Structure formats: C-alpha cells, structure tokens
C-alpha cells in the first residue's frame, strides 16, 4: 500500500481522496482516524496526521472535537474539480503541444481520442 518515492503523508491524503471520489467515503461520513491509519499502515501517527490535516486545510475534511474527522459537503465536487484541472495540466496540455508539433489538427486529435483501443 505504501509506495516509495512519494511522501507517506501525501499517499494518505490521496487514499482518502480516492475513497471519496470512488464513493467509499460519503460526504458527511466519518473518516478513519490518524491512529487507525498509523496502526494499519504501521507508520508514525504524526505522519498520518500530516496527511489528514492537509485535507482539513483544503476543506475536504472537517474536525469535530472529541468525535473525529468528517467528509465535508461538496468534498467530492472540490476533489473532482482539482483532479480534472491537474489532469488537464499533466496530460491534455502536453498532448496538445505534441499534436501541434506533428501537424495533427484538433479535429484529428479528437477523432484519435474517440478510437477504441483494440489492444485493451
């Protein structure tokens, strides 16, 4: 579950984000505690807390004193918007630049994107 090359606290934040995006954690539901993450992943609770606090700062989770962390309303919409923008920056813009270099028109590129992957 824990991968090398990416800070553990970011992997924990990604794990929670993915659970929200994929419907395993609904808005308003309680998120696993930092101690649960720490015990399950065998990491320092401070590292788990750093990942969770990142999501609190972004408005994805909210702390309720003495009760735990909860997924905020509109968390899924916020995550979708952020991930779509990241997808555009990381994948679409480089694709468009490469297509221009190769003389591929936007219409041709759109047609390529709609092709079925016969090897899959």
C-alpha atoms as a PDB file:
ATOM      1  CA  UNK A   1       0.000   0.000   0.000  1.00  0.00           C
ATOM      2  CA  UNK A   2       2.785   2.453   0.860  1.00  0.00           C
ATOM      3  CA  UNK A   3       4.928   3.229  -2.177  1.00  0.00           C
ATOM      4  CA  UNK A   4       8.456   4.521  -2.337  1.00  0.00           C
ATOM      5  CA  UNK A   5       9.108   7.844  -3.981  1.00  0.00           C
ATOM      6  CA  UNK A   6       6.098   9.756  -2.692  1.00  0.00           C
ATOM      7  CA  UNK A   7       5.854  11.138   0.836  1.00  0.00           C
ATOM      8  CA  UNK A   8       3.693   8.917   3.045  1.00  0.00           C
ATOM      9  CA  UNK A   9       1.533  11.812   4.238  1.00  0.00           C
ATOM     10  CA  UNK A  10       0.645  12.595   0.613  1.00  0.00           C
ATOM     11  CA  UNK A  11      -0.216   8.940  -0.015  1.00  0.00           C
ATOM     12  CA  UNK A  12      -2.595   9.024   2.945  1.00  0.00           C
ATOM     13  CA  UNK A  13      -4.251  12.181   1.604  1.00  0.00           C
ATOM     14  CA  UNK A  14      -4.538  10.524  -1.836  1.00  0.00           C
ATOM     15  CA  UNK A  15      -6.034   7.405  -0.256  1.00  0.00           C
ATOM     16  CA  UNK A  16      -8.762   9.430   1.461  1.00  0.00           C
ATOM     17  CA  UNK A  17      -9.375  11.475  -1.693  1.00  0.00           C
ATOM     18  CA  UNK A  18      -9.758   8.306  -3.758  1.00  0.00           C
ATOM     19  CA  UNK A  19     -12.170   6.838  -1.217  1.00  0.00           C
ATOM     20  CA  UNK A  20     -14.311   9.992  -1.501  1.00  0.00           C
ATOM     21  CA  UNK A  21     -14.151  10.081  -5.312  1.00  0.00           C
ATOM     22  CA  UNK A  22     -14.995   6.382  -5.636  1.00  0.00           C
ATOM     23  CA  UNK A  23     -17.892   6.569  -3.172  1.00  0.00           C
ATOM     24  CA  UNK A  24     -16.370   4.557  -0.323  1.00  0.00           C
ATOM     25  CA  UNK A  25     -16.474   7.666   1.901  1.00  0.00           C
ATOM     26  CA  UNK A  26     -19.636   9.697   1.501  1.00  0.00           C
ATOM     27  CA  UNK A  27     -19.995  13.367   2.317  1.00  0.00           C
ATOM     28  CA  UNK A  28     -20.848  13.688   5.996  1.00  0.00           C
ATOM     29  CA  UNK A  29     -19.355  10.314   6.878  1.00  0.00           C
ATOM     30  CA  UNK A  30     -16.588   9.798   9.405  1.00  0.00           C
ATOM     31  CA  UNK A  31     -13.074   9.374   8.022  1.00  0.00           C
ATOM     32  CA  UNK A  32     -10.621   6.926   9.595  1.00  0.00           C
ATOM     33  CA  UNK A  33      -8.677   8.476  12.450  1.00  0.00           C
ATOM     34  CA  UNK A  34      -4.974   9.218  12.305  1.00  0.00           C
ATOM     35  CA  UNK A  35      -4.422   6.481  14.897  1.00  0.00           C
ATOM     36  CA  UNK A  36      -6.292   3.982  12.709  1.00  0.00           C
ATOM     37  CA  UNK A  37      -4.137   4.910   9.711  1.00  0.00           C
ATOM     38  CA  UNK A  38      -0.987   4.744  11.826  1.00  0.00           C
ATOM     39  CA  UNK A  39      -1.841   1.309  13.217  1.00  0.00           C
ATOM     40  CA  UNK A  40      -2.985  -0.118   9.874  1.00  0.00           C
ATOM     41  CA  UNK A  41      -0.019   1.204   7.891  1.00  0.00           C
ATOM     42  CA  UNK A  42       2.498   0.887  10.752  1.00  0.00           C
ATOM     43  CA  UNK A  43       3.579   4.489  10.496  1.00  0.00           C
ATOM     44  CA  UNK A  44       4.067   7.328  12.944  1.00  0.00           C
ATOM     45  CA  UNK A  45       0.719   8.920  13.944  1.00  0.00           C
ATOM     46  CA  UNK A  46       2.247  12.362  13.250  1.00  0.00           C
ATOM     47  CA  UNK A  47       2.791  11.338   9.614  1.00  0.00           C
ATOM     48  CA  UNK A  48      -0.810  10.176   9.322  1.00  0.00           C
ATOM     49  CA  UNK A  49      -1.969  13.414  10.949  1.00  0.00           C
ATOM     50  CA  UNK A  50       0.005  15.456   8.411  1.00  0.00           C
ATOM     51  CA  UNK A  51      -1.879  13.801   5.529  1.00  0.00           C
ATOM     52  CA  UNK A  52      -5.252  14.215   7.193  1.00  0.00           C
ATOM     53  CA  UNK A  53      -4.534  17.828   8.161  1.00  0.00           C
ATOM     54  CA  UNK A  54      -3.703  18.616   4.549  1.00  0.00           C
ATOM     55  CA  UNK A  55      -7.260  17.637   3.641  1.00  0.00           C
ATOM     56  CA  UNK A  56      -8.629  19.694   6.528  1.00  0.00           C
ATOM     57  CA  UNK A  57      -6.747  22.742   5.204  1.00  0.00           C
ATOM     58  CA  UNK A  58      -8.231  22.127   1.739  1.00  0.00           C
ATOM     59  CA  UNK A  59     -11.763  21.915   3.139  1.00  0.00           C
ATOM     60  CA  UNK A  60     -12.197  18.240   2.273  1.00  0.00           C
ATOM     61  CA  UNK A  61     -12.376  17.070   5.900  1.00  0.00           C
ATOM     62  CA  UNK A  62     -13.573  18.872   8.990  1.00  0.00           C
ATOM     63  CA  UNK A  63     -12.553  18.145  12.572  1.00  0.00           C
ATOM     64  CA  UNK A  64     -15.243  17.758  15.186  1.00  0.00           C
ATOM     65  CA  UNK A  65     -13.604  17.946  18.582  1.00  0.00           C
ATOM     66  CA  UNK A  66     -13.840  14.716  20.512  1.00  0.00           C
ATOM     67  CA  UNK A  67     -15.724  12.947  17.725  1.00  0.00           C
ATOM     68  CA  UNK A  68     -13.350  12.694  14.750  1.00  0.00           C
ATOM     69  CA  UNK A  69     -12.883  13.810  11.146  1.00  0.00           C
ATOM     70  CA  UNK A  70     -15.768  14.027   8.721  1.00  0.00           C
ATOM     71  CA  UNK A  71     -16.048  14.466   4.968  1.00  0.00           C
ATOM     72  CA  UNK A  72     -17.395  17.939   4.197  1.00  0.00           C
ATOM     73  CA  UNK A  73     -20.355  18.733   1.985  1.00  0.00           C
ATOM     74  CA  UNK A  74     -19.170  19.323  -1.589  1.00  0.00           C
ATOM     75  CA  UNK A  75     -15.896  17.495  -0.897  1.00  0.00           C
ATOM     76  CA  UNK A  76     -16.399  15.251  -3.917  1.00  0.00           C
ATOM     77  CA  UNK A  77     -17.103  18.228  -6.206  1.00  0.00           C
ATOM     78  CA  UNK A  78     -13.985  20.034  -4.934  1.00  0.00           C
ATOM     79  CA  UNK A  79     -11.851  16.950  -5.494  1.00  0.00           C
ATOM     80  CA  UNK A  80     -13.260  16.368  -8.976  1.00  0.00           C
ATOM     81  CA  UNK A  81     -12.551  19.971  -9.974  1.00  0.00           C
ATOM     82  CA  UNK A  82      -8.992  19.805  -8.635  1.00  0.00           C
ATOM     83  CA  UNK A  83      -8.247  16.429 -10.221  1.00  0.00           C
ATOM     84  CA  UNK A  84      -9.720  17.485 -13.574  1.00  0.00           C
ATOM     85  CA  UNK A  85      -7.534  20.602 -13.600  1.00  0.00           C
ATOM     86  CA  UNK A  86      -4.484  18.501 -12.703  1.00  0.00           C
ATOM     87  CA  UNK A  87      -5.403  16.057 -15.496  1.00  0.00           C
ATOM     88  CA  UNK A  88      -5.631  18.952 -17.953  1.00  0.00           C
ATOM     89  CA  UNK A  89      -2.246  20.337 -16.893  1.00  0.00           C
ATOM     90  CA  UNK A  90      -0.445  16.977 -16.758  1.00  0.00           C
ATOM     91  CA  UNK A  91      -1.952  15.198 -19.759  1.00  0.00           C
ATOM     92  CA  UNK A  92      -4.038  17.358 -22.076  1.00  0.00           C
ATOM     93  CA  UNK A  93      -1.657  20.311 -22.479  1.00  0.00           C
ATOM     94  CA  UNK A  94       1.365  18.098 -23.311  1.00  0.00           C
ATOM     95  CA  UNK A  95      -0.833  16.110 -25.705  1.00  0.00           C
ATOM     96  CA  UNK A  96      -1.945  19.285 -27.469  1.00  0.00           C
ATOM     97  CA  UNK A  97       1.646  20.542 -27.743  1.00  0.00           C
ATOM     98  CA  UNK A  98       2.842  17.253 -29.229  1.00  0.00           C
ATOM     99  CA  UNK A  99      -0.102  17.159 -31.643  1.00  0.00           C
ATOM    100  CA  UNK A 100       0.765  20.667 -32.895  1.00  0.00           C
ATOM    101  CA  UNK A 101       4.390  19.607 -33.455  1.00  0.00           C
ATOM    102  CA  UNK A 102       3.186  16.666 -35.532  1.00  0.00           C
ATOM    103  CA  UNK A 103       0.720  18.722 -37.546  1.00  0.00           C
ATOM    104  CA  UNK A 104      -2.293  16.969 -36.070  1.00  0.00           C
ATOM    105  CA  UNK A 105      -5.361  19.193 -36.193  1.00  0.00           C
ATOM    106  CA  UNK A 106      -7.744  19.490 -33.231  1.00  0.00           C
ATOM    107  CA  UNK A 107     -10.353  17.545 -35.228  1.00  0.00           C
ATOM    108  CA  UNK A 108      -7.884  14.742 -35.951  1.00  0.00           C
ATOM    109  CA  UNK A 109      -6.858  14.669 -32.296  1.00  0.00           C
ATOM    110  CA  UNK A 110     -10.491  14.444 -31.196  1.00  0.00           C
ATOM    111  CA  UNK A 111     -11.005  11.577 -33.642  1.00  0.00           C
ATOM    112  CA  UNK A 112      -7.943   9.785 -32.235  1.00  0.00           C
ATOM    113  CA  UNK A 113      -9.272  10.169 -28.696  1.00  0.00           C
ATOM    114  CA  UNK A 114     -12.542   8.536 -29.685  1.00  0.00           C
ATOM    115  CA  UNK A 115     -10.918   5.489 -31.242  1.00  0.00           C
ATOM    116  CA  UNK A 116     -11.355   2.210 -29.443  1.00  0.00           C
ATOM    117  CA  UNK A 117      -8.214   0.692 -28.016  1.00  0.00           C
ATOM    118  CA  UNK A 118      -8.239  -2.677 -29.771  1.00  0.00           C
ATOM    119  CA  UNK A 119      -5.277  -3.923 -27.731  1.00  0.00           C
ATOM    120  CA  UNK A 120      -7.012  -3.472 -24.374  1.00  0.00           C
END
